Amino acid sequence: MVDEELTPEELIEQIKRLRVSDVLLSTLSTVAQLGYTKLERAHRDLDQAKLAIESLRALIPVLDNAVPAETVRDFSQVVANLQLAYAAAVAEERELDAEGESTPD
């Protein structure tokens, strides 16, 4: 199957049909996934994970009255879970740092 390329006019029509709330939901989902990835030991970047958490916390209230309440609740739960995972990752990093400092060279 050959991918069809959209004409500029078709692309404009697709953009016109987009809903901002749908784009925000997609963005929130992507940011949450990135946040979790940045907490994995192999890809750990606590600054990026914190940025993901803070971004979610800023955007979720914007969706009140724009999407079903259950959706807002679910994303709020994602933030709470990310915050807990972040705290665990910070504790693990501190523990690893302490072990590294106490190990003789």
Protein backbone atom coordinates (compact mmCIF):
# COMPACT_ATOMS: atom_id res chain seq x y z
CA MET A 1 0.00 0.00 0.00
CA VAL A 2 1.38 3.36 -1.02
CA ASP A 3 1.09 6.26 1.41
CA GLU A 4 -0.94 9.10 0.00
CA GLU A 5 0.58 12.50 0.34
CA LEU A 6 -1.86 15.15 1.35
CA THR A 7 -2.23 18.24 -0.72
CA PRO A 8 -1.82 21.53 1.13
CA GLU A 9 -5.57 22.05 0.88
CA GLU A 10 -6.31 18.62 2.40
CA LEU A 11 -3.86 19.31 5.22
CA ILE A 12 -5.56 22.62 5.94
CA GLU A 13 -8.94 20.88 6.07
CA GLN A 14 -7.61 18.29 8.52
CA ILE A 15 -6.21 21.03 10.74
CA LYS A 16 -9.56 22.83 10.67
CA ARG A 17 -11.27 19.67 11.95
CA LEU A 18 -8.83 19.23 14.85
CA ARG A 19 -10.06 20.04 18.32
CA VAL A 20 -7.64 21.72 20.71
CA SER A 21 -8.82 19.42 23.50
CA ASP A 22 -7.86 16.37 21.42
CA VAL A 23 -4.40 17.79 20.77
CA LEU A 24 -3.99 18.55 24.49
CA LEU A 25 -5.01 15.01 25.43
CA SER A 26 -2.49 13.62 22.98
CA THR A 27 0.17 15.95 24.34
CA LEU A 28 -0.59 14.97 27.94
CA SER A 29 -0.34 11.31 27.06
CA THR A 30 3.00 11.81 25.31
CA VAL A 31 4.41 13.90 28.16
CA ALA A 32 3.32 11.29 30.71
CA GLN A 33 5.00 8.52 28.71
CA LEU A 34 8.18 10.58 28.44
CA GLY A 35 8.06 11.31 32.16
CA TYR A 36 7.92 7.61 33.00
CA THR A 37 10.72 6.88 30.54
CA LYS A 38 12.92 9.52 32.17
CA LEU A 39 12.44 7.76 35.52
CA GLU A 40 13.68 4.39 34.25
CA ARG A 41 17.16 3.68 35.52
CA ALA A 42 18.55 3.15 32.01
CA HIS A 43 17.20 6.51 30.79
CA ARG A 44 17.05 8.43 34.06
CA ASP A 45 16.93 12.18 33.78
CA LEU A 46 15.31 13.57 36.90
CA ASP A 47 15.22 17.14 35.59
CA GLN A 48 13.26 16.02 32.53
CA ALA A 49 10.96 13.85 34.66
CA LYS A 50 10.24 16.82 36.92
CA LEU A 51 9.54 18.99 33.87
CA ALA A 52 7.06 16.37 32.65
CA ILE A 53 5.30 16.35 36.02
CA GLU A 54 5.10 20.13 36.22
CA SER A 55 3.87 20.35 32.62
CA LEU A 56 1.10 17.87 33.31
CA ARG A 57 0.13 19.73 36.48
CA ALA A 58 -0.11 22.97 34.49
CA LEU A 59 -2.13 21.58 31.59
CA ILE A 60 -4.62 19.32 33.34
CA PRO A 61 -6.69 22.15 34.87
CA VAL A 62 -7.05 23.69 31.40
CA LEU A 63 -9.06 20.63 30.37
CA ASP A 64 -11.72 21.07 33.06
CA ASN A 65 -15.09 21.41 31.32
CA ALA A 66 -13.46 20.60 27.95
CA VAL A 67 -13.25 16.82 28.39
CA PRO A 68 -15.12 14.33 30.56
CA ALA A 69 -14.40 14.59 34.29
CA GLU A 70 -13.18 10.97 34.28
CA THR A 71 -10.46 11.90 31.81
CA VAL A 72 -9.26 14.74 34.01
CA ARG A 73 -9.37 12.41 37.02
CA ASP A 74 -7.35 9.77 35.16
CA PHE A 75 -4.65 12.25 34.17
CA SER A 76 -4.55 13.60 37.73
CA GLN A 77 -3.93 10.04 38.89
CA VAL A 78 -1.13 9.73 36.33
CA VAL A 79 0.49 12.83 37.85
CA ALA A 80 0.19 11.39 41.36
CA ASN A 81 1.77 8.12 40.19
CA LEU A 82 4.55 9.98 38.40
CA GLN A 83 5.23 12.04 41.52
CA LEU A 84 5.52 8.85 43.59
CA ALA A 85 7.80 7.26 41.00
CA TYR A 86 9.88 10.45 40.92
CA ALA A 87 10.29 10.40 44.71
CA ALA A 88 11.35 6.75 44.56
CA ALA A 89 13.87 7.52 41.81
CA VAL A 90 15.32 10.43 43.80
CA ALA A 91 15.66 8.18 46.86
CA GLU A 92 17.32 5.49 44.75
CA GLU A 93 19.77 8.02 43.29
CA ARG A 94 20.67 9.27 46.77
CA GLU A 95 21.20 5.70 47.93
CA LEU A 96 23.44 4.95 44.96
CA ASP A 97 25.40 8.16 45.57
CA ALA A 98 25.85 7.26 49.25
CA GLU A 99 27.05 3.77 48.34
CA GLY A 100 29.51 5.26 45.85
CA GLU A 101 30.89 7.64 48.47
CA SER A 102 31.35 4.92 51.06
CA THR A 103 33.07 2.46 48.70
CA PRO A 104 36.86 2.62 49.06
CA ASP A 105 38.78 3.26 45.85
